[in-house]
Amino acid sequence: MAQLLLTRPQEGADRFAALLRRSGFDAPIVTSPLLRIVPLAAPDLPDLTEDQAVIFTSRNGVAAAPAGQGRLAYVVGAATGRAAKAAGYRVVQADGDAEALFRRILADHQAGNLTGDLVHLHGRHTRGDLAQRLTAAGLPTKGAVIYEQIAMPLSETAKSLLSGAEPVILPIFSPRTAALLLAECQQMEGTAPLFVAAISPAADVELGMLQAVQRQILPNPTADAMAAAVQRLMAAAQRLEGEIRQR
């Protein structure tokens, strides 16, 4: 029987599993986080002036940051925006990826709607050089590490799943998770037919030569789009199982 393997951090995996269950997904779900999010006890935050806005590129950044108290926050997408609003920030939301966020911030700056410096609050491992790109474009932006993303090994249950004969659905939510998964798979004899959905082209690139029956890249990097992709891949996996039984 086809199963779903979730490798994102535990809190995010729980949220996504709940979303799937609400949509009627009834296949087994195995959770084996490849990253553990740990907020820094004493992050090296710059002194924020009243007119400085902050940037969040994940919900993890919001969770590890100080309370908003009405401060302006540029956020990468809807889920991060909801978290930032709940934490007391005034939110300007982009369309789901770092490139869209960069364009939105720059457009507001050029239109005179954004004054003062910016601070990007992020994890130890980040991509895209957002602060450097904004600074180079004329909008001084600092970066501040406020949480760690600690790598974790696959659980024995997850390894058994990947070494088995039944199809495995693999939604991949970040480039770093993709790279960690590839490293894990290269150290074991993975025999399960894989059906993979990558949240972005960057995540797909980090999967390297990982072999899969189907490997998709989401058109929109959202939880709803990933849930729809998982449903499609599960249907494809179940068709494969039916074909195997008929042979």
Protein backbone atom coordinates (compact mmCIF):
# COMPACT_ATOMS: atom_id res chain seq x y z
CA MET A 1 0.00 0.00 0.00
CA ALA A 2 1.33 3.43 -0.96
CA GLN A 3 2.34 5.64 1.96
CA LEU A 4 3.26 9.29 2.46
CA LEU A 5 6.62 10.25 3.99
CA LEU A 6 6.89 13.74 5.50
CA THR A 7 10.44 15.00 6.13
CA ARG A 8 9.83 18.64 7.02
CA PRO A 9 10.26 19.91 10.61
CA GLN A 10 7.79 18.38 13.05
CA GLU A 11 5.44 21.34 13.50
CA GLY A 12 5.18 21.91 9.76
CA ALA A 13 4.71 18.20 9.13
CA ASP A 14 1.86 18.09 11.65
CA ARG A 15 0.16 21.07 10.01
CA PHE A 16 0.46 19.56 6.56
CA ALA A 17 -0.79 16.16 7.69
CA ALA A 18 -3.82 17.84 9.25
CA LEU A 19 -4.46 19.74 6.00
CA LEU A 20 -4.35 16.49 4.05
CA ARG A 21 -6.70 14.72 6.44
CA ARG A 22 -9.20 17.58 6.18
CA SER A 23 -9.15 17.17 2.39
CA GLY A 24 -9.99 13.48 2.67
CA PHE A 25 -6.51 11.95 2.35
CA ASP A 26 -6.71 8.56 4.10
CA ALA A 27 -3.43 6.83 3.24
CA PRO A 28 -0.84 6.09 5.96
CA ILE A 29 1.45 9.02 6.86
CA VAL A 30 4.96 8.51 8.25
CA THR A 31 6.75 11.55 9.70
CA SER A 32 10.55 11.66 9.91
CA PRO A 33 11.83 15.26 10.13
CA LEU A 34 15.21 15.89 8.54
CA LEU A 35 15.47 19.28 10.29
CA ARG A 36 14.80 20.45 13.83
CA ILE A 37 14.12 24.15 14.34
CA VAL A 38 15.71 25.65 17.47
CA PRO A 39 15.32 29.39 18.22
CA LEU A 40 18.53 31.04 19.44
CA ALA A 41 18.36 31.93 23.11
CA ALA A 42 20.21 35.21 22.53
CA PRO A 43 20.16 36.11 18.83
CA ASP A 44 22.46 38.91 17.68
CA LEU A 45 19.69 41.28 16.67
CA PRO A 46 20.53 44.74 15.38
CA ASP A 47 19.00 47.71 17.17
CA LEU A 48 15.71 48.28 15.37
CA THR A 49 14.56 51.86 14.90
CA GLU A 50 10.88 52.69 14.77
CA ASP A 51 10.79 53.02 10.99
CA GLN A 52 12.69 49.81 10.21
CA ALA A 53 10.68 47.03 8.65
CA VAL A 54 11.58 43.36 8.95
CA ILE A 55 11.51 40.53 6.43
CA PHE A 56 10.32 36.98 7.09
CA THR A 57 10.87 34.18 4.60
CA SER A 58 9.36 31.45 6.80
CA ARG A 59 7.00 30.88 9.70
CA ASN A 60 10.04 29.68 11.67
CA GLY A 61 11.47 33.19 11.53
CA VAL A 62 8.25 34.65 12.93
CA ALA A 63 8.19 32.11 15.75
CA ALA A 64 11.76 32.95 16.78
CA ALA A 65 11.44 36.74 16.42
CA PRO A 66 10.39 39.33 19.00
CA ALA A 67 6.71 40.33 19.11
CA GLY A 68 5.67 42.65 16.30
CA GLN A 69 4.06 45.47 18.30
CA GLY A 70 2.75 46.98 15.08
CA ARG A 71 6.05 46.87 13.18
CA LEU A 72 5.87 46.47 9.38
CA ALA A 73 6.86 43.02 8.11
CA TYR A 74 7.35 41.88 4.54
CA VAL A 75 6.54 38.17 4.30
CA VAL A 76 7.08 35.56 1.63
CA GLY A 77 3.56 34.11 1.49
CA ALA A 78 0.18 33.52 3.09
CA ALA A 79 1.18 31.06 5.81
CA THR A 80 4.04 33.28 7.00
CA GLY A 81 1.72 36.27 6.77
CA ARG A 82 -0.87 34.67 9.05
CA ALA A 83 1.83 33.86 11.59
CA ALA A 84 3.22 37.40 11.46
CA LYS A 85 -0.22 38.98 11.92
CA ALA A 86 -0.84 36.74 14.92
CA ALA A 87 2.50 37.91 16.35
CA GLY A 88 1.49 41.57 16.06
CA TYR A 89 3.10 42.67 12.79
CA ARG A 90 1.59 44.79 10.04
CA VAL A 91 1.99 42.53 7.03
CA VAL A 92 2.80 43.10 3.38
CA GLN A 93 2.60 39.75 1.63
CA ALA A 94 4.36 38.53 -1.52
CA ASP A 95 3.19 35.74 -3.81
CA GLY A 96 4.93 32.78 -2.24
CA ASP A 97 8.64 32.84 -3.06
CA ALA A 98 11.75 34.87 -2.35
CA GLU A 99 11.92 36.33 -5.84
CA ALA A 100 8.39 37.70 -5.58
CA LEU A 101 9.25 39.09 -2.15
CA PHE A 102 12.34 40.83 -3.53
CA ARG A 103 10.30 42.43 -6.32
CA ARG A 104 7.56 43.58 -3.94
CA ILE A 105 9.97 45.20 -1.49
CA LEU A 106 11.92 46.91 -4.27
CA ALA A 107 8.74 48.20 -5.91
CA ASP A 108 7.53 49.71 -2.63
CA HIS A 109 10.93 51.33 -2.08
CA GLN A 110 11.02 52.81 -5.58
CA ALA A 111 7.47 54.12 -5.17
CA GLY A 112 8.45 55.90 -1.95
CA ASN A 113 6.23 53.67 0.21
CA LEU A 114 9.12 52.23 2.19
CA THR A 115 11.64 54.28 4.11
CA GLY A 116 14.36 53.27 6.52
CA ASP A 117 16.56 50.20 6.51
CA LEU A 118 15.32 46.61 6.51
CA VAL A 119 16.28 43.59 8.61
CA HIS A 120 15.86 40.02 7.35
CA LEU A 121 15.27 37.69 10.31
CA HIS A 122 16.15 34.16 9.22
CA GLY A 123 17.71 30.80 10.09
CA ARG A 124 21.36 29.80 10.00
CA HIS A 125 20.92 28.31 6.54
CA THR A 126 19.29 30.60 4.01
CA ARG A 127 19.26 30.95 0.24
CA GLY A 128 18.92 33.71 -2.30
CA ASP A 129 21.10 36.41 -0.67
CA LEU A 130 17.99 38.55 -0.20
CA ALA A 131 19.65 41.11 2.08
CA GLN A 132 22.64 41.50 -0.25
CA ARG A 133 20.42 41.88 -3.32
CA LEU A 134 18.26 44.54 -1.69
CA THR A 135 21.32 46.43 -0.47
CA ALA A 136 22.85 46.31 -3.95
CA ALA A 137 19.57 47.66 -5.35
CA GLY A 138 19.76 50.73 -3.09
CA LEU A 139 17.78 49.55 -0.06
CA PRO A 140 20.17 48.86 2.87
CA THR A 141 19.22 45.53 4.44
CA LYS A 142 20.85 43.58 7.24
CA GLY A 143 20.50 39.87 7.94
CA ALA A 144 20.16 38.40 11.43
CA VAL A 145 20.26 34.71 12.33
CA ILE A 146 17.59 33.99 14.95
CA TYR A 147 17.18 30.20 14.75
CA GLU A 148 19.10 27.05 13.94
CA GLN A 149 18.05 24.33 11.49
CA ILE A 150 19.65 21.20 12.91
CA ALA A 151 19.98 18.23 10.54
CA MET A 152 18.45 14.94 11.71
CA PRO A 153 18.74 11.41 10.29
CA LEU A 154 15.83 9.50 8.86
CA SER A 155 14.06 7.29 11.36
CA GLU A 156 14.33 3.52 11.05
CA THR A 157 10.66 3.46 10.05
CA ALA A 158 11.35 5.89 7.20
CA LYS A 159 14.40 3.89 6.08
CA SER A 160 12.34 0.70 6.03
CA LEU A 161 9.70 2.45 3.97
CA LEU A 162 12.25 3.64 1.40
CA SER A 163 13.86 0.21 1.29
CA GLY A 164 10.59 -1.59 0.71
CA ALA A 165 8.56 -2.48 -2.36
CA GLU A 166 5.52 -0.26 -1.84
CA PRO A 167 5.27 3.23 -3.43
CA VAL A 168 6.28 6.22 -1.31
CA ILE A 169 4.92 9.74 -1.83
CA LEU A 170 7.56 12.37 -0.98
CA PRO A 171 6.57 16.05 -0.72
CA ILE A 172 9.74 18.15 -0.46
CA PHE A 173 9.30 21.56 1.17
CA SER A 174 12.76 23.15 0.96
CA PRO A 175 16.09 22.89 -0.89
CA ARG A 176 17.95 21.97 2.31
CA THR A 177 15.52 19.16 3.11
CA ALA A 178 15.97 17.93 -0.46
CA ALA A 179 19.76 17.87 -0.09
CA LEU A 180 19.55 16.03 3.24
CA LEU A 181 17.13 13.48 1.80
CA LEU A 182 19.40 12.83 -1.18
CA ALA A 183 22.37 12.27 1.17
CA GLU A 184 20.34 9.82 3.24
CA CYS A 185 19.17 7.91 0.17
CA GLN A 186 22.71 7.65 -1.15
CA GLN A 187 23.72 5.82 2.02
CA MET A 188 21.07 3.13 1.73
CA GLU A 189 19.61 0.79 -0.82
CA GLY A 190 16.40 2.54 -1.71
CA THR A 191 14.09 0.22 -3.61
CA ALA A 192 10.66 1.78 -3.13
CA PRO A 193 9.03 3.44 -6.17
CA LEU A 194 9.15 7.16 -5.37
CA PHE A 195 6.58 9.80 -6.32
CA VAL A 196 8.11 13.20 -5.56
CA ALA A 197 6.70 16.73 -5.43
CA ALA A 198 9.24 19.56 -5.01
CA ILE A 199 7.96 22.89 -3.75
CA SER A 200 10.30 24.88 -6.03
CA PRO A 201 12.83 24.47 -8.84
CA ALA A 202 15.59 25.05 -6.27
CA ALA A 203 14.32 22.13 -4.18
CA ASP A 204 14.14 19.93 -7.26
CA VAL A 205 17.75 20.78 -8.17
CA GLU A 206 18.92 19.69 -4.71
CA LEU A 207 17.32 16.28 -5.23
CA GLY A 208 20.01 15.67 -7.83
CA MET A 209 19.74 12.31 -9.57
CA LEU A 210 17.25 10.83 -7.10
CA GLN A 211 15.31 8.28 -9.11
CA ALA A 212 11.54 8.56 -9.07
CA VAL A 213 8.60 7.17 -11.02
CA GLN A 214 7.21 10.70 -11.09
CA ARG A 215 8.92 13.93 -10.03
CA GLN A 216 6.94 17.17 -10.14
CA ILE A 217 7.69 20.82 -9.40
CA LEU A 218 4.85 22.84 -7.93
CA PRO A 219 3.59 25.78 -10.02
CA ASN A 220 2.91 27.69 -6.77
CA PRO A 221 4.89 27.15 -3.54
CA THR A 222 1.92 26.86 -1.18
CA ALA A 223 0.62 24.20 1.19
CA ASP A 224 -2.61 23.90 -0.81
CA ALA A 225 -0.67 23.34 -4.03
CA MET A 226 1.46 20.71 -2.31
CA ALA A 227 -1.63 18.98 -0.93
CA ALA A 228 -3.11 18.83 -4.43
CA ALA A 229 0.16 17.43 -5.79
CA VAL A 230 0.20 14.75 -3.09
CA GLN A 231 -3.33 13.70 -4.02
CA ARG A 232 -2.33 13.43 -7.70
CA LEU A 233 0.79 11.43 -6.88
CA MET A 234 -1.13 9.10 -4.58
CA ALA A 235 -3.60 8.41 -7.38
CA ALA A 236 -0.67 7.65 -9.72
CA ALA A 237 0.94 5.37 -7.12
CA GLN A 238 -2.31 3.48 -6.62
CA ARG A 239 -2.61 2.97 -10.38
CA LEU A 240 0.92 1.54 -10.38
CA GLU A 241 0.00 -0.81 -7.55
CA GLY A 242 -3.03 -1.97 -9.54
CA GLU A 243 -0.92 -2.65 -12.61
CA ILE A 244 1.58 -4.66 -10.54
CA ARG A 245 -1.18 -6.81 -9.03
CA GLN A 246 -2.57 -7.58 -12.50
CA ARG A 247 0.75 -8.90 -13.82
